[in-house]
């Protein structure tokens, strides 16, 4: 439960990092790296859980949304680094791809935490 709480906060920080990348057209990370779900601490933890945990619907939902989160974050970063600020901001705004996936992931993680 503590790990899930921690990782909800960590993923929320991505919004700030992506906004900075949009504003500056710079980032220390590459979109190709951000797209990988198993490179972040949460992804590594999630994929290391025992098979019985991985068989639960909550885990499967979180894993799917976590992978989508990384893909949409990578897309926003790619747009930002290519100077496509308006498109990147649209993905981040309410109703945008990143905003939807990020919100859905947070809800799924919170629901998973409550079920434990």
PDB file of N, CA and C in Angstrom:
ATOM      1  N   UNK A   1       0.834  -1.197   0.000  1.00  0.00           N
ATOM      2  CA  UNK A   1       0.000   0.000   0.000  1.00  0.00           C
ATOM      3  C   UNK A   1       0.874   1.255   0.000  1.00  0.00           C
ATOM      4  N   UNK A   2       1.912   1.261   0.838  1.00  0.00           N
ATOM      5  CA  UNK A   2       2.809   2.419   0.901  1.00  0.00           C
ATOM      6  C   UNK A   2       3.496   2.664  -0.441  1.00  0.00           C
ATOM      7  N   UNK A   3       3.904   1.588  -1.091  1.00  0.00           N
ATOM      8  CA  UNK A   3       4.572   1.730  -2.391  1.00  0.00           C
ATOM      9  C   UNK A   3       3.626   2.329  -3.422  1.00  0.00           C
ATOM     10  N   UNK A   4       2.390   1.887  -3.429  1.00  0.00           N
ATOM     11  CA  UNK A   4       1.425   2.422  -4.396  1.00  0.00           C
ATOM     12  C   UNK A   4       1.202   3.905  -4.139  1.00  0.00           C
ATOM     13  N   UNK A   5       1.071   4.294  -2.878  1.00  0.00           N
ATOM     14  CA  UNK A   5       0.911   5.708  -2.530  1.00  0.00           C
ATOM     15  C   UNK A   5       2.104   6.512  -3.022  1.00  0.00           C
ATOM     16  N   UNK A   6       3.291   5.993  -2.784  1.00  0.00           N
ATOM     17  CA  UNK A   6       4.515   6.673  -3.219  1.00  0.00           C
ATOM     18  C   UNK A   6       4.526   6.830  -4.744  1.00  0.00           C
ATOM     19  N   UNK A   7       4.157   5.776  -5.450  1.00  0.00           N
ATOM     20  CA  UNK A   7       4.239   5.811  -6.902  1.00  0.00           C
ATOM     21  C   UNK A   7       3.143   6.676  -7.530  1.00  0.00           C
ATOM     22  N   UNK A   8       2.028   6.840  -6.850  1.00  0.00           N
ATOM     23  CA  UNK A   8       1.014   7.786  -7.335  1.00  0.00           C
ATOM     24  C   UNK A   8       1.627   9.183  -7.345  1.00  0.00           C
ATOM     25  N   UNK A   9       2.330   9.530  -6.284  1.00  0.00           N
ATOM     26  CA  UNK A   9       2.969  10.848  -6.200  1.00  0.00           C
ATOM     27  C   UNK A   9       4.077  11.008  -7.239  1.00  0.00           C
ATOM     28  N   UNK A  10       4.859   9.960  -7.433  1.00  0.00           N
ATOM     29  CA  UNK A  10       5.953  10.012  -8.411  1.00  0.00           C
ATOM     30  C   UNK A  10       5.407  10.249  -9.818  1.00  0.00           C
ATOM     31  N   UNK A  11       4.343   9.545 -10.165  1.00  0.00           N
ATOM     32  CA  UNK A  11       3.783   9.728 -11.503  1.00  0.00           C
ATOM     33  C   UNK A  11       3.131  11.094 -11.663  1.00  0.00           C
ATOM     34  N   UNK A  12       2.625  11.663 -10.567  1.00  0.00           N
ATOM     35  CA  UNK A  12       2.065  13.014 -10.627  1.00  0.00           C
ATOM     36  C   UNK A  12       3.155  14.039 -10.961  1.00  0.00           C
ATOM     37  N   UNK A  13       4.378  13.770 -10.513  1.00  0.00           N
ATOM     38  CA  UNK A  13       5.497  14.677 -10.814  1.00  0.00           C
ATOM     39  C   UNK A  13       5.796  14.748 -12.311  1.00  0.00           C
ATOM     40  N   UNK A  14       5.396  13.706 -13.035  1.00  0.00           N
ATOM     41  CA  UNK A  14       5.616  13.707 -14.479  1.00  0.00           C
ATOM     42  C   UNK A  14       4.938  14.895 -15.147  1.00  0.00           C
ATOM     43  N   UNK A  15       3.806  15.297 -14.641  1.00  0.00           N
ATOM     44  CA  UNK A  15       3.100  16.450 -15.219  1.00  0.00           C
ATOM     45  C   UNK A  15       4.001  17.680 -15.190  1.00  0.00           C
ATOM     46  N   UNK A  16       4.632  17.878 -14.046  1.00  0.00           N
ATOM     47  CA  UNK A  16       5.533  19.029 -13.911  1.00  0.00           C
ATOM     48  C   UNK A  16       6.739  18.905 -14.846  1.00  0.00           C
ATOM     49  N   UNK A  17       7.327  17.718 -14.898  1.00  0.00           N
ATOM     50  CA  UNK A  17       8.489  17.517 -15.766  1.00  0.00           C
ATOM     51  C   UNK A  17       8.128  17.720 -17.235  1.00  0.00           C
ATOM     52  N   UNK A  18       6.963  17.220 -17.626  1.00  0.00           N
ATOM     53  CA  UNK A  18       6.552  17.383 -19.022  1.00  0.00           C
ATOM     54  C   UNK A  18       6.228  18.840 -19.325  1.00  0.00           C
ATOM     55  N   UNK A  19       5.607  19.531 -18.382  1.00  0.00           N
ATOM     56  CA  UNK A  19       5.302  20.948 -18.591  1.00  0.00           C
ATOM     57  C   UNK A  19       6.593  21.740 -18.760  1.00  0.00           C
ATOM     58  N   UNK A  20       7.601  21.428 -17.972  1.00  0.00           N
ATOM     59  CA  UNK A  20       8.900  22.096 -18.108  1.00  0.00           C
ATOM     60  C   UNK A  20       9.502  21.807 -19.479  1.00  0.00           C
ATOM     61  N   UNK A  21       9.414  20.562 -19.923  1.00  0.00           N
ATOM     62  CA  UNK A  21       9.934  20.203 -21.250  1.00  0.00           C
ATOM     63  C   UNK A  21       9.179  20.952 -22.354  1.00  0.00           C
ATOM     64  N   UNK A  22       7.885  21.097 -22.200  1.00  0.00           N
ATOM     65  CA  UNK A  22       7.094  21.835 -23.192  1.00  0.00           C
ATOM     66  C   UNK A  22       7.529  23.301 -23.219  1.00  0.00           C
ATOM     67  N   UNK A  23       7.686  23.894 -22.044  1.00  0.00           N
ATOM     68  CA  UNK A  23       8.039  25.312 -21.955  1.00  0.00           C
ATOM     69  C   UNK A  23       9.446  25.607 -22.462  1.00  0.00           C
ATOM     70  N   UNK A  24      10.363  24.649 -22.281  1.00  0.00           N
ATOM     71  CA  UNK A  24      11.767  24.894 -22.632  1.00  0.00           C
ATOM     72  C   UNK A  24      12.220  24.185 -23.905  1.00  0.00           C
ATOM     73  N   UNK A  25      11.422  23.240 -24.376  1.00  0.00           N
ATOM     74  CA  UNK A  25      11.790  22.384 -25.510  1.00  0.00           C
ATOM     75  C   UNK A  25      13.075  21.597 -25.206  1.00  0.00           C
ATOM     76  N   UNK A  26      13.285  21.301 -23.916  1.00  0.00           N
ATOM     77  CA  UNK A  26      14.471  20.555 -23.489  1.00  0.00           C
ATOM     78  C   UNK A  26      14.093  19.549 -22.409  1.00  0.00           C
ATOM     79  N   UNK A  27      14.867  18.480 -22.342  1.00  0.00           N
ATOM     80  CA  UNK A  27      14.683  17.478 -21.290  1.00  0.00           C
ATOM     81  C   UNK A  27      15.962  16.679 -21.151  1.00  0.00           C
ATOM     82  N   UNK A  28      16.183  16.184 -19.944  1.00  0.00           N
ATOM     83  CA  UNK A  28      17.317  15.296 -19.705  1.00  0.00           C
ATOM     84  C   UNK A  28      17.032  13.895 -20.218  1.00  0.00           C
ATOM     85  N   UNK A  29      15.763  13.615 -20.504  1.00  0.00           N
ATOM     86  CA  UNK A  29      15.371  12.282 -20.947  1.00  0.00           C
ATOM     87  C   UNK A  29      15.000  12.283 -22.421  1.00  0.00           C
ATOM     88  N   UNK A  30      15.076  11.099 -23.001  1.00  0.00           N
ATOM     89  CA  UNK A  30      14.699  10.908 -24.387  1.00  0.00           C
ATOM     90  C   UNK A  30      13.332  10.246 -24.432  1.00  0.00           C
ATOM     91  N   UNK A  31      12.538  10.607 -25.424  1.00  0.00           N
ATOM     92  CA  UNK A  31      11.194  10.045 -25.549  1.00  0.00           C
ATOM     93  C   UNK A  31      11.225   8.526 -25.647  1.00  0.00           C
ATOM     94  N   UNK A  32      12.226   7.991 -26.328  1.00  0.00           N
ATOM     95  CA  UNK A  32      12.326   6.533 -26.489  1.00  0.00           C
ATOM     96  C   UNK A  32      12.505   5.830 -25.148  1.00  0.00           C
ATOM     97  N   UNK A  33      13.215   6.476 -24.225  1.00  0.00           N
ATOM     98  CA  UNK A  33      13.435   5.903 -22.903  1.00  0.00           C
ATOM     99  C   UNK A  33      12.173   6.032 -22.045  1.00  0.00           C
ATOM    100  N   UNK A  34      11.526   7.169 -22.137  1.00  0.00           N
ATOM    101  CA  UNK A  34      10.309   7.417 -21.365  1.00  0.00           C
ATOM    102  C   UNK A  34       9.208   6.432 -21.762  1.00  0.00           C
ATOM    103  N   UNK A  35       9.190   6.014 -23.005  1.00  0.00           N
ATOM    104  CA  UNK A  35       8.150   5.107 -23.507  1.00  0.00           C
ATOM    105  C   UNK A  35       8.210   3.717 -22.874  1.00  0.00           C
ATOM    106  N   UNK A  36       9.320   3.375 -22.257  1.00  0.00           N
ATOM    107  CA  UNK A  36       9.499   2.032 -21.703  1.00  0.00           C
ATOM    108  C   UNK A  36       8.898   1.923 -20.305  1.00  0.00           C
ATOM    109  N   UNK A  37       7.908   1.076 -20.158  1.00  0.00           N
ATOM    110  CA  UNK A  37       7.211   0.918 -18.875  1.00  0.00           C
ATOM    111  C   UNK A  37       8.048   0.248 -17.799  1.00  0.00           C
ATOM    112  N   UNK A  38       9.088  -0.469 -18.186  1.00  0.00           N
ATOM    113  CA  UNK A  38       9.874  -1.222 -17.210  1.00  0.00           C
ATOM    114  C   UNK A  38      11.165  -0.512 -16.806  1.00  0.00           C
ATOM    115  N   UNK A  39      11.315   0.743 -17.188  1.00  0.00           N
ATOM    116  CA  UNK A  39      12.535   1.474 -16.837  1.00  0.00           C
ATOM    117  C   UNK A  39      12.363   2.334 -15.590  1.00  0.00           C
ATOM    118  N   UNK A  40      11.125   2.609 -15.206  1.00  0.00           N
ATOM    119  CA  UNK A  40      10.909   3.406 -13.996  1.00  0.00           C
ATOM    120  C   UNK A  40      10.828   2.475 -12.786  1.00  0.00           C
ATOM    121  N   UNK A  41      10.982   3.057 -11.613  1.00  0.00           N
ATOM    122  CA  UNK A  41      10.975   2.263 -10.381  1.00  0.00           C
ATOM    123  C   UNK A  41       9.638   1.540 -10.193  1.00  0.00           C
ATOM    124  N   UNK A  42       8.530   2.227 -10.485  1.00  0.00           N
ATOM    125  CA  UNK A  42       7.221   1.598 -10.338  1.00  0.00           C
ATOM    126  C   UNK A  42       7.062   0.420 -11.298  1.00  0.00           C
ATOM    127  N   UNK A  43       7.454   0.602 -12.541  1.00  0.00           N
ATOM    128  CA  UNK A  43       7.346  -0.472 -13.525  1.00  0.00           C
ATOM    129  C   UNK A  43       8.157  -1.691 -13.124  1.00  0.00           C
ATOM    130  N   UNK A  44       9.343  -1.457 -12.609  1.00  0.00           N
ATOM    131  CA  UNK A  44      10.178  -2.572 -12.165  1.00  0.00           C
ATOM    132  C   UNK A  44       9.538  -3.288 -10.987  1.00  0.00           C
ATOM    133  N   UNK A  45       9.010  -2.517 -10.038  1.00  0.00           N
ATOM    134  CA  UNK A  45       8.333  -3.113  -8.888  1.00  0.00           C
ATOM    135  C   UNK A  45       7.089  -3.888  -9.332  1.00  0.00           C
ATOM    136  N   UNK A  46       6.292  -3.259 -10.193  1.00  0.00           N
ATOM    137  CA  UNK A  46       5.051  -3.867 -10.667  1.00  0.00           C
ATOM    138  C   UNK A  46       5.320  -5.208 -11.342  1.00  0.00           C
ATOM    139  N   UNK A  47       6.327  -5.240 -12.208  1.00  0.00           N
ATOM    140  CA  UNK A  47       6.642  -6.456 -12.953  1.00  0.00           C
ATOM    141  C   UNK A  47       7.356  -7.511 -12.110  1.00  0.00           C
ATOM    142  N   UNK A  48       7.826  -7.121 -10.925  1.00  0.00           N
ATOM    143  CA  UNK A  48       8.518  -8.077 -10.054  1.00  0.00           C
ATOM    144  C   UNK A  48       7.580  -8.733  -9.034  1.00  0.00           C
ATOM    145  N   UNK A  49       6.335  -8.301  -9.003  1.00  0.00           N
ATOM    146  CA  UNK A  49       5.394  -8.880  -8.042  1.00  0.00           C
ATOM    147  C   UNK A  49       5.158 -10.353  -8.358  1.00  0.00           C
ATOM    148  N   UNK A  50       4.802 -11.139  -7.349  1.00  0.00           N
ATOM    149  CA  UNK A  50       4.554 -12.571  -7.565  1.00  0.00           C
ATOM    150  C   UNK A  50       3.438 -12.807  -8.581  1.00  0.00           C
ATOM    151  N   UNK A  51       3.492 -13.956  -9.219  1.00  0.00           N
ATOM    152  CA  UNK A  51       2.521 -14.314 -10.269  1.00  0.00           C
ATOM    153  C   UNK A  51       1.082 -14.233  -9.769  1.00  0.00           C
ATOM    154  N   UNK A  52       0.834 -14.617  -8.517  1.00  0.00           N
ATOM    155  CA  UNK A  52      -0.538 -14.565  -8.017  1.00  0.00           C
ATOM    156  C   UNK A  52      -1.056 -13.128  -7.955  1.00  0.00           C
ATOM    157  N   UNK A  53      -0.179 -12.165  -7.670  1.00  0.00           N
ATOM    158  CA  UNK A  53      -0.579 -10.746  -7.691  1.00  0.00           C
ATOM    159  C   UNK A  53      -0.818 -10.285  -9.127  1.00  0.00           C
ATOM    160  N   UNK A  54       0.039 -10.768 -10.026  1.00  0.00           N
ATOM    161  CA  UNK A  54      -0.089 -10.380 -11.431  1.00  0.00           C
ATOM    162  C   UNK A  54      -1.347 -10.954 -12.085  1.00  0.00           C
ATOM    163  N   UNK A  55      -1.928 -11.949 -11.478  1.00  0.00           N
ATOM    164  CA  UNK A  55      -3.133 -12.572 -12.024  1.00  0.00           C
ATOM    165  C   UNK A  55      -4.404 -11.812 -11.650  1.00  0.00           C
ATOM    166  N   UNK A  56      -4.303 -10.829 -10.772  1.00  0.00           N
ATOM    167  CA  UNK A  56      -5.496 -10.107 -10.334  1.00  0.00           C
ATOM    168  C   UNK A  56      -5.927  -9.082 -11.380  1.00  0.00           C
ATOM    169  N   UNK A  57      -7.222  -8.810 -11.452  1.00  0.00           N
ATOM    170  CA  UNK A  57      -7.715  -7.797 -12.397  1.00  0.00           C
ATOM    171  C   UNK A  57      -7.151  -6.403 -12.099  1.00  0.00           C
ATOM    172  N   UNK A  58      -6.945  -6.095 -10.809  1.00  0.00           N
ATOM    173  CA  UNK A  58      -6.403  -4.783 -10.446  1.00  0.00           C
ATOM    174  C   UNK A  58      -4.993  -4.606 -10.993  1.00  0.00           C
ATOM    175  N   UNK A  59      -4.152  -5.630 -10.815  1.00  0.00           N
ATOM    176  CA  UNK A  59      -2.781  -5.554 -11.303  1.00  0.00           C
ATOM    177  C   UNK A  59      -2.780  -5.406 -12.816  1.00  0.00           C
ATOM    178  N   UNK A  60      -3.602  -6.194 -13.491  1.00  0.00           N
ATOM    179  CA  UNK A  60      -3.633  -6.155 -14.952  1.00  0.00           C
ATOM    180  C   UNK A  60      -4.093  -4.789 -15.467  1.00  0.00           C
ATOM    181  N   UNK A  61      -5.071  -4.199 -14.798  1.00  0.00           N
ATOM    182  CA  UNK A  61      -5.550  -2.877 -15.205  1.00  0.00           C
ATOM    183  C   UNK A  61      -4.462  -1.824 -14.999  1.00  0.00           C
ATOM    184  N   UNK A  62      -3.818  -1.871 -13.839  1.00  0.00           N
ATOM    185  CA  UNK A  62      -2.749  -0.915 -13.541  1.00  0.00           C
ATOM    186  C   UNK A  62      -1.599  -1.087 -14.523  1.00  0.00           C
ATOM    187  N   UNK A  63      -1.242  -2.310 -14.816  1.00  0.00           N
ATOM    188  CA  UNK A  63      -0.135  -2.539 -15.756  1.00  0.00           C
ATOM    189  C   UNK A  63      -0.457  -1.981 -17.136  1.00  0.00           C
ATOM    190  N   UNK A  64      -1.656  -2.230 -17.629  1.00  0.00           N
ATOM    191  CA  UNK A  64      -2.065  -1.723 -18.938  1.00  0.00           C
ATOM    192  C   UNK A  64      -2.033  -0.190 -18.957  1.00  0.00           C
ATOM    193  N   UNK A  65      -2.607   0.409 -17.933  1.00  0.00           N
ATOM    194  CA  UNK A  65      -2.639   1.873 -17.877  1.00  0.00           C
ATOM    195  C   UNK A  65      -1.248   2.457 -17.668  1.00  0.00           C
ATOM    196  N   UNK A  66      -0.403   1.759 -16.913  1.00  0.00           N
ATOM    197  CA  UNK A  66       0.967   2.230 -16.709  1.00  0.00           C
ATOM    198  C   UNK A  66       1.741   2.237 -18.031  1.00  0.00           C
ATOM    199  N   UNK A  67       1.561   1.203 -18.822  1.00  0.00           N
ATOM    200  CA  UNK A  67       2.212   1.154 -20.143  1.00  0.00           C
ATOM    201  C   UNK A  67       1.693   2.288 -21.031  1.00  0.00           C
ATOM    202  N   UNK A  68       0.389   2.528 -20.994  1.00  0.00           N
ATOM    203  CA  UNK A  68      -0.193   3.629 -21.777  1.00  0.00           C
ATOM    204  C   UNK A  68       0.326   4.971 -21.279  1.00  0.00           C
ATOM    205  N   UNK A  69       0.469   5.103 -19.970  1.00  0.00           N
ATOM    206  CA  UNK A  69       0.998   6.336 -19.378  1.00  0.00           C
ATOM    207  C   UNK A  69       2.373   6.646 -19.974  1.00  0.00           C
ATOM    208  N   UNK A  70       3.228   5.631 -20.016  1.00  0.00           N
ATOM    209  CA  UNK A  70       4.567   5.850 -20.563  1.00  0.00           C
ATOM    210  C   UNK A  70       4.534   6.211 -22.045  1.00  0.00           C
ATOM    211  N   UNK A  71       3.683   5.569 -22.799  1.00  0.00           N
ATOM    212  CA  UNK A  71       3.578   5.881 -24.233  1.00  0.00           C
ATOM    213  C   UNK A  71       3.073   7.295 -24.459  1.00  0.00           C
ATOM    214  N   UNK A  72       2.058   7.706 -23.699  1.00  0.00           N
ATOM    215  CA  UNK A  72       1.531   9.061 -23.898  1.00  0.00           C
ATOM    216  C   UNK A  72       2.505  10.113 -23.372  1.00  0.00           C
ATOM    217  N   UNK A  73       3.192   9.813 -22.277  1.00  0.00           N
ATOM    218  CA  UNK A  73       4.215  10.742 -21.770  1.00  0.00           C
ATOM    219  C   UNK A  73       5.335  10.903 -22.790  1.00  0.00           C
ATOM    220  N   UNK A  74       5.735   9.805 -23.404  1.00  0.00           N
ATOM    221  CA  UNK A  74       6.780   9.855 -24.428  1.00  0.00           C
ATOM    222  C   UNK A  74       6.321  10.678 -25.627  1.00  0.00           C
ATOM    223  N   UNK A  75       5.062  10.544 -25.989  1.00  0.00           N
ATOM    224  CA  UNK A  75       4.535  11.325 -27.103  1.00  0.00           C
ATOM    225  C   UNK A  75       4.550  12.821 -26.783  1.00  0.00           C
ATOM    226  N   UNK A  76       4.133  13.180 -25.572  1.00  0.00           N
ATOM    227  CA  UNK A  76       4.169  14.590 -25.157  1.00  0.00           C
ATOM    228  C   UNK A  76       5.608  15.096 -25.184  1.00  0.00           C
ATOM    229  N   UNK A  77       6.529  14.300 -24.670  1.00  0.00           N
ATOM    230  CA  UNK A  77       7.933  14.709 -24.653  1.00  0.00           C
ATOM    231  C   UNK A  77       8.466  14.884 -26.075  1.00  0.00           C
ATOM    232  N   UNK A  78       8.120  13.971 -26.936  1.00  0.00           N
ATOM    233  CA  UNK A  78       8.561  14.061 -28.333  1.00  0.00           C
ATOM    234  C   UNK A  78       8.041  15.350 -28.972  1.00  0.00           C
ATOM    235  N   UNK A  79       6.768  15.639 -28.764  1.00  0.00           N
ATOM    236  CA  UNK A  79       6.191  16.884 -29.299  1.00  0.00           C
ATOM    237  C   UNK A  79       6.923  18.091 -28.721  1.00  0.00           C
ATOM    238  N   UNK A  80       7.154  18.072 -27.413  1.00  0.00           N
ATOM    239  CA  UNK A  80       7.832  19.187 -26.744  1.00  0.00           C
ATOM    240  C   UNK A  80       9.231  19.413 -27.297  1.00  0.00           C
ATOM    241  N   UNK A  81       9.983  18.327 -27.456  1.00  0.00           N
ATOM    242  CA  UNK A  81      11.362  18.448 -27.931  1.00  0.00           C
ATOM    243  C   UNK A  81      11.432  18.862 -29.400  1.00  0.00           C
ATOM    244  N   UNK A  82      10.347  18.647 -30.118  1.00  0.00           N
ATOM    245  CA  UNK A  82      10.283  19.065 -31.524  1.00  0.00           C
ATOM    246  C   UNK A  82       9.641  20.438 -31.679  1.00  0.00           C
ATOM    247  N   UNK A  83       9.439  21.133 -30.560  1.00  0.00           N
ATOM    248  CA  UNK A  83       8.900  22.486 -30.600  1.00  0.00           C
ATOM    249  C   UNK A  83       7.414  22.569 -30.916  1.00  0.00           C
ATOM    250  N   UNK A  84       6.718  21.464 -30.794  1.00  0.00           N
ATOM    251  CA  UNK A  84       5.280  21.436 -31.087  1.00  0.00           C
ATOM    252  C   UNK A  84       4.503  21.655 -29.788  1.00  0.00           C
ATOM    253  N   UNK A  85       4.718  22.843 -29.237  1.00  0.00           N
ATOM    254  CA  UNK A  85       4.217  23.227 -27.923  1.00  0.00           C
ATOM    255  C   UNK A  85       2.690  23.137 -27.825  1.00  0.00           C
ATOM    256  N   UNK A  86       1.973  23.637 -28.823  1.00  0.00           N
ATOM    257  CA  UNK A  86       0.508  23.630 -28.770  1.00  0.00           C
ATOM    258  C   UNK A  86      -0.045  22.208 -28.720  1.00  0.00           C
ATOM    259  N   UNK A  87       0.524  21.316 -29.518  1.00  0.00           N
ATOM    260  CA  UNK A  87       0.064  19.927 -29.530  1.00  0.00           C
ATOM    261  C   UNK A  87       0.389  19.232 -28.200  1.00  0.00           C
ATOM    262  N   UNK A  88       1.571  19.506 -27.686  1.00  0.00           N
ATOM    263  CA  UNK A  88       1.969  18.906 -26.408  1.00  0.00           C
ATOM    264  C   UNK A  88       1.059  19.398 -25.284  1.00  0.00           C
ATOM    265  N   UNK A  89       0.788  20.696 -25.272  1.00  0.00           N
ATOM    266  CA  UNK A  89      -0.109  21.241 -24.253  1.00  0.00           C
ATOM    267  C   UNK A  89      -1.515  20.672 -24.385  1.00  0.00           C
ATOM    268  N   UNK A  90      -1.973  20.439 -25.608  1.00  0.00           N
ATOM    269  CA  UNK A  90      -3.297  19.849 -25.820  1.00  0.00           C
ATOM    270  C   UNK A  90      -3.371  18.442 -25.237  1.00  0.00           C
ATOM    271  N   UNK A  91      -2.298  17.663 -25.378  1.00  0.00           N
ATOM    272  CA  UNK A  91      -2.261  16.314 -24.790  1.00  0.00           C
ATOM    273  C   UNK A  91      -2.299  16.366 -23.260  1.00  0.00           C
ATOM    274  N   UNK A  92      -1.713  17.423 -22.707  1.00  0.00           N
ATOM    275  CA  UNK A  92      -1.645  17.580 -21.256  1.00  0.00           C
ATOM    276  C   UNK A  92      -2.935  18.152 -20.674  1.00  0.00           C
ATOM    277  N   UNK A  93      -3.694  18.879 -21.486  1.00  0.00           N
ATOM    278  CA  UNK A  93      -4.893  19.564 -21.010  1.00  0.00           C
ATOM    279  C   UNK A  93      -6.033  18.576 -20.764  1.00  0.00           C
ATOM    280  N   UNK A  94      -7.020  19.029 -20.015  1.00  0.00           N
ATOM    281  CA  UNK A  94      -8.198  18.217 -19.731  1.00  0.00           C
ATOM    282  C   UNK A  94      -8.769  17.687 -21.038  1.00  0.00           C
ATOM    283  N   UNK A  95      -8.970  16.369 -21.093  1.00  0.00           N
ATOM    284  CA  UNK A  95      -9.493  15.746 -22.302  1.00  0.00           C
ATOM    285  C   UNK A  95      -8.417  15.271 -23.258  1.00  0.00           C
ATOM    286  N   UNK A  96      -7.160  15.685 -23.033  1.00  0.00           N
ATOM    287  CA  UNK A  96      -6.056  15.242 -23.875  1.00  0.00           C
ATOM    288  C   UNK A  96      -5.642  13.829 -23.536  1.00  0.00           C
ATOM    289  N   UNK A  97      -4.925  13.199 -24.451  1.00  0.00           N
ATOM    290  CA  UNK A  97      -4.534  11.798 -24.263  1.00  0.00           C
ATOM    291  C   UNK A  97      -3.773  11.570 -22.961  1.00  0.00           C
ATOM    292  N   UNK A  98      -2.747  12.373 -22.719  1.00  0.00           N
ATOM    293  CA  UNK A  98      -1.955  12.183 -21.504  1.00  0.00           C
ATOM    294  C   UNK A  98      -2.812  12.417 -20.264  1.00  0.00           C
ATOM    295  N   UNK A  99      -3.604  13.472 -20.280  1.00  0.00           N
ATOM    296  CA  UNK A  99      -4.439  13.795 -19.121  1.00  0.00           C
ATOM    297  C   UNK A  99      -5.395  12.656 -18.795  1.00  0.00           C
ATOM    298  N   UNK A 100      -6.007  12.071 -19.814  1.00  0.00           N
ATOM    299  CA  UNK A 100      -6.952  10.973 -19.593  1.00  0.00           C
ATOM    300  C   UNK A 100      -6.244   9.740 -19.020  1.00  0.00           C
ATOM    301  N   UNK A 101      -5.151   9.347 -19.645  1.00  0.00           N
ATOM    302  CA  UNK A 101      -4.436   8.152 -19.191  1.00  0.00           C
ATOM    303  C   UNK A 101      -3.877   8.367 -17.784  1.00  0.00           C
ATOM    304  N   UNK A 102      -3.339   9.538 -17.522  1.00  0.00           N
ATOM    305  CA  UNK A 102      -2.789   9.834 -16.208  1.00  0.00           C
ATOM    306  C   UNK A 102      -3.879   9.753 -15.138  1.00  0.00           C
ATOM    307  N   UNK A 103      -5.024  10.341 -15.404  1.00  0.00           N
ATOM    308  CA  UNK A 103      -6.128  10.296 -14.445  1.00  0.00           C
ATOM    309  C   UNK A 103      -6.618   8.862 -14.242  1.00  0.00           C
ATOM    310  N   UNK A 104      -6.756   8.123 -15.323  1.00  0.00           N
ATOM    311  CA  UNK A 104      -7.209   6.733 -15.221  1.00  0.00           C
ATOM    312  C   UNK A 104      -6.225   5.876 -14.441  1.00  0.00           C
ATOM    313  N   UNK A 105      -4.934   6.111 -14.635  1.00  0.00           N
ATOM    314  CA  UNK A 105      -3.919   5.365 -13.897  1.00  0.00           C
ATOM    315  C   UNK A 105      -3.991   5.686 -12.408  1.00  0.00           C
ATOM    316  N   UNK A 106      -4.141   6.948 -12.081  1.00  0.00           N
ATOM    317  CA  UNK A 106      -4.232   7.342 -10.678  1.00  0.00           C
ATOM    318  C   UNK A 106      -5.445   6.699 -10.009  1.00  0.00           C
ATOM    319  N   UNK A 107      -6.572   6.710 -10.698  1.00  0.00           N
ATOM    320  CA  UNK A 107      -7.781   6.089 -10.152  1.00  0.00           C
ATOM    321  C   UNK A 107      -7.563   4.586  -9.973  1.00  0.00           C
ATOM    322  N   UNK A 108      -7.013   3.929 -10.970  1.00  0.00           N
ATOM    323  CA  UNK A 108      -6.788   2.477 -10.892  1.00  0.00           C
ATOM    324  C   UNK A 108      -5.826   2.130  -9.763  1.00  0.00           C
ATOM    325  N   UNK A 109      -4.787   2.926  -9.587  1.00  0.00           N
ATOM    326  CA  UNK A 109      -3.838   2.668  -8.497  1.00  0.00           C
ATOM    327  C   UNK A 109      -4.512   2.873  -7.141  1.00  0.00           C
ATOM    328  N   UNK A 110      -5.335   3.903  -7.033  1.00  0.00           N
ATOM    329  CA  UNK A 110      -6.046   4.166  -5.780  1.00  0.00           C
ATOM    330  C   UNK A 110      -7.027   3.042  -5.464  1.00  0.00           C
ATOM    331  N   UNK A 111      -7.737   2.569  -6.475  1.00  0.00           N
ATOM    332  CA  UNK A 111      -8.677   1.464  -6.275  1.00  0.00           C
ATOM    333  C   UNK A 111      -7.934   0.188  -5.873  1.00  0.00           C
ATOM    334  N   UNK A 112      -6.799  -0.053  -6.503  1.00  0.00           N
ATOM    335  CA  UNK A 112      -5.988  -1.224  -6.168  1.00  0.00           C
ATOM    336  C   UNK A 112      -5.543  -1.142  -4.708  1.00  0.00           C
ATOM    337  N   UNK A 113      -5.086   0.041  -4.322  1.00  0.00           N
ATOM    338  CA  UNK A 113      -4.621   0.252  -2.947  1.00  0.00           C
ATOM    339  C   UNK A 113      -5.751  -0.025  -1.954  1.00  0.00           C
ATOM    340  N   UNK A 114      -6.953   0.445  -2.248  1.00  0.00           N
ATOM    341  CA  UNK A 114      -8.104   0.226  -1.354  1.00  0.00           C
ATOM    342  C   UNK A 114      -8.460  -1.255  -1.243  1.00  0.00           C
ATOM    343  N   UNK A 115      -8.203  -2.007  -2.309  1.00  0.00           N
ATOM    344  CA  UNK A 115      -8.575  -3.424  -2.307  1.00  0.00           C
ATOM    345  C   UNK A 115      -7.594  -4.293  -1.515  1.00  0.00           C
ATOM    346  N   UNK A 116      -6.455  -3.738  -1.176  1.00  0.00           N
ATOM    347  CA  UNK A 116      -5.431  -4.515  -0.459  1.00  0.00           C
ATOM    348  C   UNK A 116      -5.649  -4.530   1.046  1.00  0.00           C
TER     349      UNK A 116
END
